[in-house]
PDB file of N, CA and C in Angstrom:
ATOM      1  N   MET A   1       1.542   7.710  45.158  1.00  0.00           N
ATOM      2  CA  MET A   1       0.915   7.359  43.889  1.00  0.00           C
ATOM      3  C   MET A   1       0.718   5.851  43.837  1.00  0.00           C
ATOM      4  N   ARG A   2      -0.455   5.436  43.445  1.00  0.00           N
ATOM      5  CA  ARG A   2      -0.762   4.017  43.306  1.00  0.00           C
ATOM      6  C   ARG A   2      -0.018   3.443  42.101  1.00  0.00           C
ATOM      7  N   LYS A   3       0.527   2.284  42.299  1.00  0.00           N
ATOM      8  CA  LYS A   3       1.310   1.670  41.227  1.00  0.00           C
ATOM      9  C   LYS A   3       0.539   0.535  40.594  1.00  0.00           C
ATOM     10  N   GLY A   4       0.688   0.403  39.290  1.00  0.00           N
ATOM     11  CA  GLY A   4       0.070  -0.699  38.561  1.00  0.00           C
ATOM     12  C   GLY A   4       1.091  -1.802  38.345  1.00  0.00           C
ATOM     13  N   PHE A   5       0.895  -2.582  37.326  1.00  0.00           N
ATOM     14  CA  PHE A   5       1.777  -3.685  36.993  1.00  0.00           C
ATOM     15  C   PHE A   5       3.196  -3.184  36.739  1.00  0.00           C
ATOM     16  N   GLY A   6       4.180  -3.832  37.371  1.00  0.00           N
ATOM     17  CA  GLY A   6       5.576  -3.480  37.125  1.00  0.00           C
ATOM     18  C   GLY A   6       5.954  -2.112  37.638  1.00  0.00           C
ATOM     19  N   GLY A   7       5.215  -1.599  38.589  1.00  0.00           N
ATOM     20  CA  GLY A   7       5.531  -0.291  39.145  1.00  0.00           C
ATOM     21  C   GLY A   7       5.060   0.873  38.298  1.00  0.00           C
ATOM     22  N   MET A   8       4.332   0.605  37.225  1.00  0.00           N
ATOM     23  CA  MET A   8       3.818   1.676  36.363  1.00  0.00           C
ATOM     24  C   MET A   8       2.452   2.122  36.863  1.00  0.00           C
ATOM     25  N   PRO A   9       2.127   3.376  36.686  1.00  0.00           N
ATOM     26  CA  PRO A   9       0.785   3.836  37.035  1.00  0.00           C
ATOM     27  C   PRO A   9      -0.257   3.052  36.223  1.00  0.00           C
ATOM     28  N   PRO A  10      -1.453   2.815  36.799  1.00  0.00           N
ATOM     29  CA  PRO A  10      -2.481   2.049  36.082  1.00  0.00           C
ATOM     30  C   PRO A  10      -2.787   2.604  34.689  1.00  0.00           C
ATOM     31  N   ASN A  11      -2.796   3.909  34.526  1.00  0.00           N
ATOM     32  CA  ASN A  11      -3.073   4.505  33.211  1.00  0.00           C
ATOM     33  C   ASN A  11      -2.019   4.092  32.187  1.00  0.00           C
ATOM     34  N   MET A  12      -0.781   3.953  32.651  1.00  0.00           N
ATOM     35  CA  MET A  12       0.300   3.561  31.753  1.00  0.00           C
ATOM     36  C   MET A  12       0.078   2.123  31.270  1.00  0.00           C
ATOM     37  N   ASN A  13      -0.390   1.258  32.166  1.00  0.00           N
ATOM     38  CA  ASN A  13      -0.687  -0.123  31.767  1.00  0.00           C
ATOM     39  C   ASN A  13      -1.742  -0.141  30.679  1.00  0.00           C
ATOM     40  N   GLN A  14      -2.767   0.664  30.835  1.00  0.00           N
ATOM     41  CA  GLN A  14      -3.838   0.735  29.842  1.00  0.00           C
ATOM     42  C   GLN A  14      -3.291   1.235  28.504  1.00  0.00           C
ATOM     43  N   LEU A  15      -2.442   2.245  28.568  1.00  0.00           N
ATOM     44  CA  LEU A  15      -1.840   2.783  27.342  1.00  0.00           C
ATOM     45  C   LEU A  15      -0.967   1.745  26.650  1.00  0.00           C
ATOM     46  N   MET A  16      -0.224   0.982  27.430  1.00  0.00           N
ATOM     47  CA  MET A  16       0.632  -0.058  26.861  1.00  0.00           C
ATOM     48  C   MET A  16      -0.212  -1.125  26.161  1.00  0.00           C
ATOM     49  N   LYS A  17      -1.326  -1.519  26.772  1.00  0.00           N
ATOM     50  CA  LYS A  17      -2.214  -2.507  26.168  1.00  0.00           C
ATOM     51  C   LYS A  17      -2.818  -1.974  24.873  1.00  0.00           C
ATOM     52  N   GLN A  18      -3.233  -0.711  24.901  1.00  0.00           N
ATOM     53  CA  GLN A  18      -3.810  -0.104  23.694  1.00  0.00           C
ATOM     54  C   GLN A  18      -2.768  -0.022  22.576  1.00  0.00           C
ATOM     55  N   ALA A  19      -1.541   0.340  22.946  1.00  0.00           N
ATOM     56  CA  ALA A  19      -0.471   0.440  21.946  1.00  0.00           C
ATOM     57  C   ALA A  19      -0.183  -0.933  21.342  1.00  0.00           C
ATOM     58  N   GLN A  20      -0.180  -1.971  22.161  1.00  0.00           N
ATOM     59  CA  GLN A  20       0.070  -3.318  21.652  1.00  0.00           C
ATOM     60  C   GLN A  20      -1.046  -3.762  20.704  1.00  0.00           C
ATOM     61  N   LYS A  21      -2.301  -3.467  21.079  1.00  0.00           N
ATOM     62  CA  LYS A  21      -3.421  -3.815  20.198  1.00  0.00           C
ATOM     63  C   LYS A  21      -3.318  -3.071  18.872  1.00  0.00           C
ATOM     64  N   MET A  22      -2.933  -1.796  18.940  1.00  0.00           N
ATOM     65  CA  MET A  22      -2.794  -1.004  17.723  1.00  0.00           C
ATOM     66  C   MET A  22      -1.683  -1.584  16.842  1.00  0.00           C
ATOM     67  N   GLN A  23      -0.566  -1.981  17.449  1.00  0.00           N
ATOM     68  CA  GLN A  23       0.523  -2.576  16.677  1.00  0.00           C
ATOM     69  C   GLN A  23       0.067  -3.861  16.000  1.00  0.00           C
ATOM     70  N   GLU A  24      -0.702  -4.668  16.711  1.00  0.00           N
ATOM     71  CA  GLU A  24      -1.210  -5.909  16.132  1.00  0.00           C
ATOM     72  C   GLU A  24      -2.152  -5.624  14.965  1.00  0.00           C
ATOM     73  N   LYS A  25      -3.023  -4.629  15.126  1.00  0.00           N
ATOM     74  CA  LYS A  25      -3.964  -4.268  14.066  1.00  0.00           C
ATOM     75  C   LYS A  25      -3.220  -3.722  12.844  1.00  0.00           C
ATOM     76  N   ILE A  26      -2.190  -2.920  13.090  1.00  0.00           N
ATOM     77  CA  ILE A  26      -1.391  -2.374  11.994  1.00  0.00           C
ATOM     78  C   ILE A  26      -0.699  -3.508  11.235  1.00  0.00           C
ATOM     79  N   ALA A  27      -0.110  -4.448  11.961  1.00  0.00           N
ATOM     80  CA  ALA A  27       0.575  -5.575  11.321  1.00  0.00           C
ATOM     81  C   ALA A  27      -0.409  -6.417  10.516  1.00  0.00           C
ATOM     82  N   GLU A  28      -1.597  -6.636  11.075  1.00  0.00           N
ATOM     83  CA  GLU A  28      -2.628  -7.414  10.378  1.00  0.00           C
ATOM     84  C   GLU A  28      -3.073  -6.705   9.098  1.00  0.00           C
ATOM     85  N   THR A  29      -3.301  -5.401   9.204  1.00  0.00           N
ATOM     86  CA  THR A  29      -3.723  -4.617   8.039  1.00  0.00           C
ATOM     87  C   THR A  29      -2.633  -4.611   6.978  1.00  0.00           C
ATOM     88  N   GLN A  30      -1.377  -4.455   7.409  1.00  0.00           N
ATOM     89  CA  GLN A  30      -0.263  -4.445   6.455  1.00  0.00           C
ATOM     90  C   GLN A  30      -0.170  -5.780   5.727  1.00  0.00           C
ATOM     91  N   ALA A  31      -0.344  -6.878   6.458  1.00  0.00           N
ATOM     92  CA  ALA A  31      -0.293  -8.205   5.827  1.00  0.00           C
ATOM     93  C   ALA A  31      -1.413  -8.363   4.804  1.00  0.00           C
ATOM     94  N   GLN A  32      -2.609  -7.870   5.132  1.00  0.00           N
ATOM     95  CA  GLN A  32      -3.725  -7.941   4.194  1.00  0.00           C
ATOM     96  C   GLN A  32      -3.441  -7.096   2.953  1.00  0.00           C
ATOM     97  N   LEU A  33      -2.874  -5.909   3.163  1.00  0.00           N
ATOM     98  CA  LEU A  33      -2.558  -5.036   2.035  1.00  0.00           C
ATOM     99  C   LEU A  33      -1.485  -5.647   1.139  1.00  0.00           C
ATOM    100  N   ASP A  34      -0.534  -6.346   1.744  1.00  0.00           N
ATOM    101  CA  ASP A  34       0.528  -6.970   0.960  1.00  0.00           C
ATOM    102  C   ASP A  34      -0.036  -7.991  -0.020  1.00  0.00           C
ATOM    103  N   GLU A  35      -1.175  -8.580   0.308  1.00  0.00           N
ATOM    104  CA  GLU A  35      -1.795  -9.588  -0.539  1.00  0.00           C
ATOM    105  C   GLU A  35      -2.774  -9.000  -1.561  1.00  0.00           C
ATOM    106  N   LYS A  36      -3.237  -7.778  -1.315  1.00  0.00           N
ATOM    107  CA  LYS A  36      -4.193  -7.158  -2.246  1.00  0.00           C
ATOM    108  C   LYS A  36      -3.492  -6.815  -3.552  1.00  0.00           C
ATOM    109  N   GLU A  37      -4.263  -6.898  -4.633  1.00  0.00           N
ATOM    110  CA  GLU A  37      -3.727  -6.565  -5.948  1.00  0.00           C
ATOM    111  C   GLU A  37      -4.606  -5.532  -6.633  1.00  0.00           C
ATOM    112  N   LEU A  38      -3.956  -4.676  -7.392  1.00  0.00           N
ATOM    113  CA  LEU A  38      -4.643  -3.679  -8.213  1.00  0.00           C
ATOM    114  C   LEU A  38      -4.246  -3.921  -9.659  1.00  0.00           C
ATOM    115  N   GLU A  39      -5.203  -3.740 -10.571  1.00  0.00           N
ATOM    116  CA  GLU A  39      -4.873  -3.802 -11.994  1.00  0.00           C
ATOM    117  C   GLU A  39      -5.073  -2.405 -12.571  1.00  0.00           C
ATOM    118  N   VAL A  40      -4.042  -1.905 -13.204  1.00  0.00           N
ATOM    119  CA  VAL A  40      -4.050  -0.557 -13.772  1.00  0.00           C
ATOM    120  C   VAL A  40      -3.685  -0.677 -15.244  1.00  0.00           C
ATOM    121  N   SER A  41      -4.322   0.145 -16.068  1.00  0.00           N
ATOM    122  CA  SER A  41      -4.019   0.083 -17.500  1.00  0.00           C
ATOM    123  C   SER A  41      -3.663   1.460 -18.034  1.00  0.00           C
ATOM    124  N   ALA A  42      -3.044   1.450 -19.199  1.00  0.00           N
ATOM    125  CA  ALA A  42      -2.693   2.688 -19.901  1.00  0.00           C
ATOM    126  C   ALA A  42      -2.942   2.471 -21.382  1.00  0.00           C
ATOM    127  N   GLY A  43      -3.108   3.567 -22.084  1.00  0.00           N
ATOM    128  CA  GLY A  43      -3.311   3.491 -23.531  1.00  0.00           C
ATOM    129  C   GLY A  43      -4.596   2.788 -23.907  1.00  0.00           C
ATOM    130  N   GLY A  44      -5.639   3.036 -23.133  1.00  0.00           N
ATOM    131  CA  GLY A  44      -6.922   2.413 -23.432  1.00  0.00           C
ATOM    132  C   GLY A  44      -6.927   0.912 -23.174  1.00  0.00           C
ATOM    133  N   GLY A  45      -6.040   0.456 -22.315  1.00  0.00           N
ATOM    134  CA  GLY A  45      -6.010  -0.951 -21.950  1.00  0.00           C
ATOM    135  C   GLY A  45      -5.001  -1.788 -22.707  1.00  0.00           C
ATOM    136  N   VAL A  46      -4.186  -1.165 -23.560  1.00  0.00           N
ATOM    137  CA  VAL A  46      -3.210  -1.958 -24.308  1.00  0.00           C
ATOM    138  C   VAL A  46      -2.038  -2.406 -23.429  1.00  0.00           C
ATOM    139  N   VAL A  47      -1.806  -1.680 -22.338  1.00  0.00           N
ATOM    140  CA  VAL A  47      -0.797  -2.076 -21.358  1.00  0.00           C
ATOM    141  C   VAL A  47      -1.494  -2.177 -20.014  1.00  0.00           C
ATOM    142  N   LYS A  48      -1.348  -3.336 -19.359  1.00  0.00           N
ATOM    143  CA  LYS A  48      -1.954  -3.554 -18.043  1.00  0.00           C
ATOM    144  C   LYS A  48      -0.879  -3.998 -17.060  1.00  0.00           C
ATOM    145  N   VAL A  49      -0.975  -3.429 -15.844  1.00  0.00           N
ATOM    146  CA  VAL A  49      -0.033  -3.761 -14.778  1.00  0.00           C
ATOM    147  C   VAL A  49      -0.836  -4.222 -13.577  1.00  0.00           C
ATOM    148  N   THR A  50      -0.424  -5.332 -12.987  1.00  0.00           N
ATOM    149  CA  THR A  50      -1.007  -5.791 -11.733  1.00  0.00           C
ATOM    150  C   THR A  50       0.063  -5.613 -10.670  1.00  0.00           C
ATOM    151  N   ILE A  51      -0.304  -4.898  -9.593  1.00  0.00           N
ATOM    152  CA  ILE A  51       0.638  -4.559  -8.528  1.00  0.00           C
ATOM    153  C   ILE A  51       0.019  -4.933  -7.183  1.00  0.00           C
ATOM    154  N   THR A  52       0.867  -5.277  -6.224  1.00  0.00           N
ATOM    155  CA  THR A  52       0.386  -5.597  -4.872  1.00  0.00           C
ATOM    156  C   THR A  52       0.535  -4.379  -3.964  1.00  0.00           C
ATOM    157  N   GLY A  53      -0.001  -4.514  -2.763  1.00  0.00           N
ATOM    158  CA  GLY A  53       0.165  -3.460  -1.755  1.00  0.00           C
ATOM    159  C   GLY A  53       1.611  -3.286  -1.337  1.00  0.00           C
ATOM    160  N   LYS A  54       2.449  -4.299  -1.601  1.00  0.00           N
ATOM    161  CA  LYS A  54       3.884  -4.188  -1.318  1.00  0.00           C
ATOM    162  C   LYS A  54       4.617  -3.509  -2.473  1.00  0.00           C
ATOM    163  N   LYS A  55       3.864  -3.103  -3.474  1.00  0.00           N
ATOM    164  CA  LYS A  55       4.390  -2.445  -4.671  1.00  0.00           C
ATOM    165  C   LYS A  55       5.249  -3.388  -5.500  1.00  0.00           C
ATOM    166  N   GLU A  56       4.861  -4.648  -5.515  1.00  0.00           N
ATOM    167  CA  GLU A  56       5.519  -5.619  -6.379  1.00  0.00           C
ATOM    168  C   GLU A  56       4.667  -5.800  -7.629  1.00  0.00           C
ATOM    169  N   ILE A  57       5.298  -5.708  -8.771  1.00  0.00           N
ATOM    170  CA  ILE A  57       4.607  -5.932 -10.031  1.00  0.00           C
ATOM    171  C   ILE A  57       4.428  -7.441 -10.172  1.00  0.00           C
ATOM    172  N   LYS A  58       3.164  -7.879 -10.251  1.00  0.00           N
ATOM    173  CA  LYS A  58       2.867  -9.298 -10.366  1.00  0.00           C
ATOM    174  C   LYS A  58       2.681  -9.722 -11.815  1.00  0.00           C
ATOM    175  N   GLU A  59       2.178  -8.788 -12.612  1.00  0.00           N
ATOM    176  CA  GLU A  59       1.907  -9.121 -14.012  1.00  0.00           C
ATOM    177  C   GLU A  59       1.985  -7.866 -14.857  1.00  0.00           C
ATOM    178  N   LEU A  60       2.474  -8.043 -16.054  1.00  0.00           N
ATOM    179  CA  LEU A  60       2.535  -6.967 -17.037  1.00  0.00           C
ATOM    180  C   LEU A  60       2.050  -7.558 -18.352  1.00  0.00           C
ATOM    181  N   THR A  61       0.956  -6.995 -18.875  1.00  0.00           N
ATOM    182  CA  THR A  61       0.360  -7.504 -20.105  1.00  0.00           C
ATOM    183  C   THR A  61       0.421  -6.412 -21.167  1.00  0.00           C
ATOM    184  N   ILE A  62       0.887  -6.795 -22.349  1.00  0.00           N
ATOM    185  CA  ILE A  62       0.974  -5.851 -23.467  1.00  0.00           C
ATOM    186  C   ILE A  62       0.189  -6.422 -24.639  1.00  0.00           C
ATOM    187  N   ASP A  63      -0.794  -5.682 -25.088  1.00  0.00           N
ATOM    188  CA  ASP A  63      -1.567  -6.088 -26.264  1.00  0.00           C
ATOM    189  C   ASP A  63      -0.623  -6.046 -27.472  1.00  0.00           C
ATOM    190  N   PRO A  64      -0.587  -7.096 -28.262  1.00  0.00           N
ATOM    191  CA  PRO A  64       0.297  -7.110 -29.434  1.00  0.00           C
ATOM    192  C   PRO A  64       0.098  -5.898 -30.354  1.00  0.00           C
ATOM    193  N   ALA A  65      -1.086  -5.314 -30.338  1.00  0.00           N
ATOM    194  CA  ALA A  65      -1.331  -4.140 -31.186  1.00  0.00           C
ATOM    195  C   ALA A  65      -0.473  -2.952 -30.756  1.00  0.00           C
ATOM    196  N   ALA A  66       0.015  -2.966 -29.504  1.00  0.00           N
ATOM    197  CA  ALA A  66       0.828  -1.854 -29.002  1.00  0.00           C
ATOM    198  C   ALA A  66       2.292  -2.003 -29.406  1.00  0.00           C
ATOM    199  N   VAL A  67       2.648  -3.144 -29.961  1.00  0.00           N
ATOM    200  CA  VAL A  67       4.047  -3.401 -30.308  1.00  0.00           C
ATOM    201  C   VAL A  67       4.286  -3.005 -31.768  1.00  0.00           C
ATOM    202  N   ASP A  68       4.833  -1.830 -31.915  1.00  0.00           N
ATOM    203  CA  ASP A  68       5.154  -1.302 -33.245  1.00  0.00           C
ATOM    204  C   ASP A  68       6.662  -1.081 -33.281  1.00  0.00           C
ATOM    205  N   PRO A  69       7.386  -1.889 -34.046  1.00  0.00           N
ATOM    206  CA  PRO A  69       8.845  -1.748 -34.069  1.00  0.00           C
ATOM    207  C   PRO A  69       9.308  -0.363 -34.511  1.00  0.00           C
ATOM    208  N   ASP A  70       8.448   0.367 -35.198  1.00  0.00           N
ATOM    209  CA  ASP A  70       8.819   1.713 -35.637  1.00  0.00           C
ATOM    210  C   ASP A  70       8.506   2.773 -34.586  1.00  0.00           C
ATOM    211  N   ASP A  71       7.842   2.372 -33.497  1.00  0.00           N
ATOM    212  CA  ASP A  71       7.482   3.340 -32.452  1.00  0.00           C
ATOM    213  C   ASP A  71       7.640   2.720 -31.060  1.00  0.00           C
ATOM    214  N   VAL A  72       8.864   2.287 -30.779  1.00  0.00           N
ATOM    215  CA  VAL A  72       9.172   1.687 -29.478  1.00  0.00           C
ATOM    216  C   VAL A  72       8.970   2.705 -28.351  1.00  0.00           C
ATOM    217  N   GLU A  73       9.225   3.973 -28.636  1.00  0.00           N
ATOM    218  CA  GLU A  73       9.067   5.012 -27.610  1.00  0.00           C
ATOM    219  C   GLU A  73       7.643   5.068 -27.071  1.00  0.00           C
ATOM    220  N   MET A  74       6.653   4.879 -27.934  1.00  0.00           N
ATOM    221  CA  MET A  74       5.267   4.907 -27.465  1.00  0.00           C
ATOM    222  C   MET A  74       5.023   3.778 -26.462  1.00  0.00           C
ATOM    223  N   LEU A  75       5.514   2.599 -26.767  1.00  0.00           N
ATOM    224  CA  LEU A  75       5.352   1.463 -25.860  1.00  0.00           C
ATOM    225  C   LEU A  75       6.069   1.729 -24.540  1.00  0.00           C
ATOM    226  N   GLN A  76       7.256   2.289 -24.612  1.00  0.00           N
ATOM    227  CA  GLN A  76       7.991   2.625 -23.393  1.00  0.00           C
ATOM    228  C   GLN A  76       7.208   3.633 -22.543  1.00  0.00           C
ATOM    229  N   ASP A  77       6.649   4.641 -23.190  1.00  0.00           N
ATOM    230  CA  ASP A  77       5.856   5.643 -22.477  1.00  0.00           C
ATOM    231  C   ASP A  77       4.621   5.023 -21.827  1.00  0.00           C
ATOM    232  N   LEU A  78       3.972   4.103 -22.543  1.00  0.00           N
ATOM    233  CA  LEU A  78       2.797   3.428 -21.989  1.00  0.00           C
ATOM    234  C   LEU A  78       3.172   2.585 -20.770  1.00  0.00           C
ATOM    235  N   LEU A  79       4.291   1.900 -20.849  1.00  0.00           N
ATOM    236  CA  LEU A  79       4.757   1.089 -19.719  1.00  0.00           C
ATOM    237  C   LEU A  79       5.049   1.964 -18.499  1.00  0.00           C
ATOM    238  N   ILE A  80       5.780   3.039 -18.721  1.00  0.00           N
ATOM    239  CA  ILE A  80       6.105   3.954 -17.629  1.00  0.00           C
ATOM    240  C   ILE A  80       4.835   4.526 -17.016  1.00  0.00           C
ATOM    241  N   SER A  81       3.917   4.930 -17.865  1.00  0.00           N
ATOM    242  CA  SER A  81       2.658   5.504 -17.393  1.00  0.00           C
ATOM    243  C   SER A  81       1.871   4.505 -16.550  1.00  0.00           C
ATOM    244  N   ALA A  82       1.754   3.288 -17.037  1.00  0.00           N
ATOM    245  CA  ALA A  82       0.988   2.264 -16.329  1.00  0.00           C
ATOM    246  C   ALA A  82       1.646   1.905 -15.001  1.00  0.00           C
ATOM    247  N   ILE A  83       2.957   1.756 -14.996  1.00  0.00           N
ATOM    248  CA  ILE A  83       3.660   1.399 -13.760  1.00  0.00           C
ATOM    249  C   ILE A  83       3.579   2.528 -12.740  1.00  0.00           C
ATOM    250  N   ASN A  84       3.797   3.758 -13.179  1.00  0.00           N
ATOM    251  CA  ASN A  84       3.704   4.888 -12.248  1.00  0.00           C
ATOM    252  C   ASN A  84       2.309   5.015 -11.654  1.00  0.00           C
ATOM    253  N   GLU A  85       1.288   4.826 -12.469  1.00  0.00           N
ATOM    254  CA  GLU A  85      -0.085   4.901 -11.968  1.00  0.00           C
ATOM    255  C   GLU A  85      -0.372   3.748 -11.006  1.00  0.00           C
ATOM    256  N   ALA A  86       0.160   2.576 -11.298  1.00  0.00           N
ATOM    257  CA  ALA A  86      -0.034   1.429 -10.400  1.00  0.00           C
ATOM    258  C   ALA A  86       0.605   1.697  -9.043  1.00  0.00           C
ATOM    259  N   VAL A  87       1.807   2.238  -9.036  1.00  0.00           N
ATOM    260  CA  VAL A  87       2.492   2.562  -7.776  1.00  0.00           C
ATOM    261  C   VAL A  87       1.710   3.634  -7.020  1.00  0.00           C
ATOM    262  N   ARG A  88       1.226   4.652  -7.725  1.00  0.00           N
ATOM    263  CA  ARG A  88       0.454   5.715  -7.086  1.00  0.00           C
ATOM    264  C   ARG A  88      -0.804   5.141  -6.438  1.00  0.00           C
ATOM    265  N   GLN A  89      -1.514   4.273  -7.167  1.00  0.00           N
ATOM    266  CA  GLN A  89      -2.740   3.693  -6.623  1.00  0.00           C
ATOM    267  C   GLN A  89      -2.446   2.757  -5.449  1.00  0.00           C
ATOM    268  N   ALA A  90      -1.340   2.031  -5.509  1.00  0.00           N
ATOM    269  CA  ALA A  90      -0.956   1.161  -4.390  1.00  0.00           C
ATOM    270  C   ALA A  90      -0.657   2.004  -3.153  1.00  0.00           C
ATOM    271  N   ASP A  91       0.067   3.113  -3.335  1.00  0.00           N
ATOM    272  CA  ASP A  91       0.344   4.024  -2.218  1.00  0.00           C
ATOM    273  C   ASP A  91      -0.953   4.553  -1.615  1.00  0.00           C
ATOM    274  N   GLU A  92      -1.863   4.952  -2.479  1.00  0.00           N
ATOM    275  CA  GLU A  92      -3.147   5.497  -2.033  1.00  0.00           C
ATOM    276  C   GLU A  92      -3.943   4.438  -1.258  1.00  0.00           C
ATOM    277  N   MET A  93      -3.955   3.206  -1.767  1.00  0.00           N
ATOM    278  CA  MET A  93      -4.676   2.125  -1.098  1.00  0.00           C
ATOM    279  C   MET A  93      -4.093   1.863   0.291  1.00  0.00           C
ATOM    280  N   VAL A  94      -2.763   1.794   0.383  1.00  0.00           N
ATOM    281  CA  VAL A  94      -2.109   1.539   1.662  1.00  0.00           C
ATOM    282  C   VAL A  94      -2.383   2.684   2.632  1.00  0.00           C
ATOM    283  N   SER A  95      -2.244   3.895   2.162  1.00  0.00           N
ATOM    284  CA  SER A  95      -2.481   5.063   3.013  1.00  0.00           C
ATOM    285  C   SER A  95      -3.913   5.083   3.540  1.00  0.00           C
ATOM    286  N   LYS A  96      -4.868   4.811   2.665  1.00  0.00           N
ATOM    287  CA  LYS A  96      -6.279   4.821   3.053  1.00  0.00           C
ATOM    288  C   LYS A  96      -6.565   3.753   4.104  1.00  0.00           C
ATOM    289  N   GLU A  97      -6.076   2.540   3.887  1.00  0.00           N
ATOM    290  CA  GLU A  97      -6.341   1.449   4.819  1.00  0.00           C
ATOM    291  C   GLU A  97      -5.614   1.651   6.148  1.00  0.00           C
ATOM    292  N   MET A  98      -4.394   2.149   6.096  1.00  0.00           N
ATOM    293  CA  MET A  98      -3.636   2.348   7.334  1.00  0.00           C
ATOM    294  C   MET A  98      -4.216   3.498   8.152  1.00  0.00           C
ATOM    295  N   SER A  99      -4.807   4.487   7.489  1.00  0.00           N
ATOM    296  CA  SER A  99      -5.407   5.595   8.234  1.00  0.00           C
ATOM    297  C   SER A  99      -6.597   5.121   9.061  1.00  0.00           C
ATOM    298  N   LYS A 100      -7.183   3.991   8.672  1.00  0.00           N
ATOM    299  CA  LYS A 100      -8.302   3.437   9.426  1.00  0.00           C
ATOM    300  C   LYS A 100      -7.854   2.834  10.756  1.00  0.00           C
ATOM    301  N   VAL A 101      -6.609   2.393  10.843  1.00  0.00           N
ATOM    302  CA  VAL A 101      -6.128   1.758  12.071  1.00  0.00           C
ATOM    303  C   VAL A 101      -5.204   2.652  12.885  1.00  0.00           C
ATOM    304  N   MET A 102      -4.745   3.731  12.309  1.00  0.00           N
ATOM    305  CA  MET A 102      -3.859   4.649  13.026  1.00  0.00           C
ATOM    306  C   MET A 102      -4.694   5.641  13.817  1.00  0.00           C
ATOM    307  N   PRO A 103      -4.290   5.924  15.057  1.00  0.00           N
ATOM    308  CA  PRO A 103      -5.039   6.913  15.842  1.00  0.00           C
ATOM    309  C   PRO A 103      -4.908   8.310  15.218  1.00  0.00           C
ATOM    310  N   ALA A 104      -5.918   9.112  15.439  1.00  0.00           N
ATOM    311  CA  ALA A 104      -5.902  10.482  14.921  1.00  0.00           C
ATOM    312  C   ALA A 104      -4.689  11.204  15.483  1.00  0.00           C
ATOM    313  N   GLY A 105      -4.033  11.975  14.631  1.00  0.00           N
ATOM    314  CA  GLY A 105      -2.879  12.755  15.062  1.00  0.00           C
ATOM    315  C   GLY A 105      -1.547  12.052  14.883  1.00  0.00           C
ATOM    316  N   MET A 106      -1.553  10.741  14.566  1.00  0.00           N
ATOM    317  CA  MET A 106      -0.284  10.049  14.336  1.00  0.00           C
ATOM    318  C   MET A 106       0.194  10.368  12.931  1.00  0.00           C
ATOM    319  N   PRO A 107       1.498  10.421  12.747  1.00  0.00           N
ATOM    320  CA  PRO A 107       2.021  10.705  11.414  1.00  0.00           C
ATOM    321  C   PRO A 107       1.538   9.671  10.417  1.00  0.00           C
ATOM    322  N   GLY A 108       1.043  10.122   9.266  1.00  0.00           N
ATOM    323  CA  GLY A 108       0.494   9.224   8.276  1.00  0.00           C
ATOM    324  C   GLY A 108       1.495   8.691   7.282  1.00  0.00           C
ATOM    325  N   GLY A 109       2.691   9.247   7.225  1.00  0.00           N
ATOM    326  CA  GLY A 109       3.667   8.836   6.237  1.00  0.00           C
ATOM    327  C   GLY A 109       4.522   7.670   6.665  1.00  0.00           C
ATOM    328  N   LEU A 110       4.074   6.902   7.632  1.00  0.00           N
ATOM    329  CA  LEU A 110       4.893   5.795   8.122  1.00  0.00           C
ATOM    330  C   LEU A 110       4.856   4.588   7.207  1.00  0.00           C
ATOM    331  N   PHE A 111       3.858   4.491   6.322  1.00  0.00           N
ATOM    332  CA  PHE A 111       3.711   3.287   5.520  1.00  0.00           C
ATOM    333  C   PHE A 111       3.763   3.588   4.069  1.00  0.00           C
TER     334      PHE A 111
END
């Protein structure tokens, strides 16, 4: 059998190079996603959440009209709703972008 670099078959060298390029592309895509931001709102826009691809909340805005001391539960529900939707959308964004760089057949739940 013909040997390639380091005693590996030539096909293995090619696979190693492809795997390294894929790892670099994945790291680059992940870094870009970490910087992307999504703005999500709840309650017709009275609560807004800005989240990154790393799922870090960057900003939380509450319209003063949503602050009713007699109905704190409504505000709490709006906050939970907005944050959960922001996390869901961030997950979806990361999954969509990572699927573009992952080879077909690779597990998609890695990110």
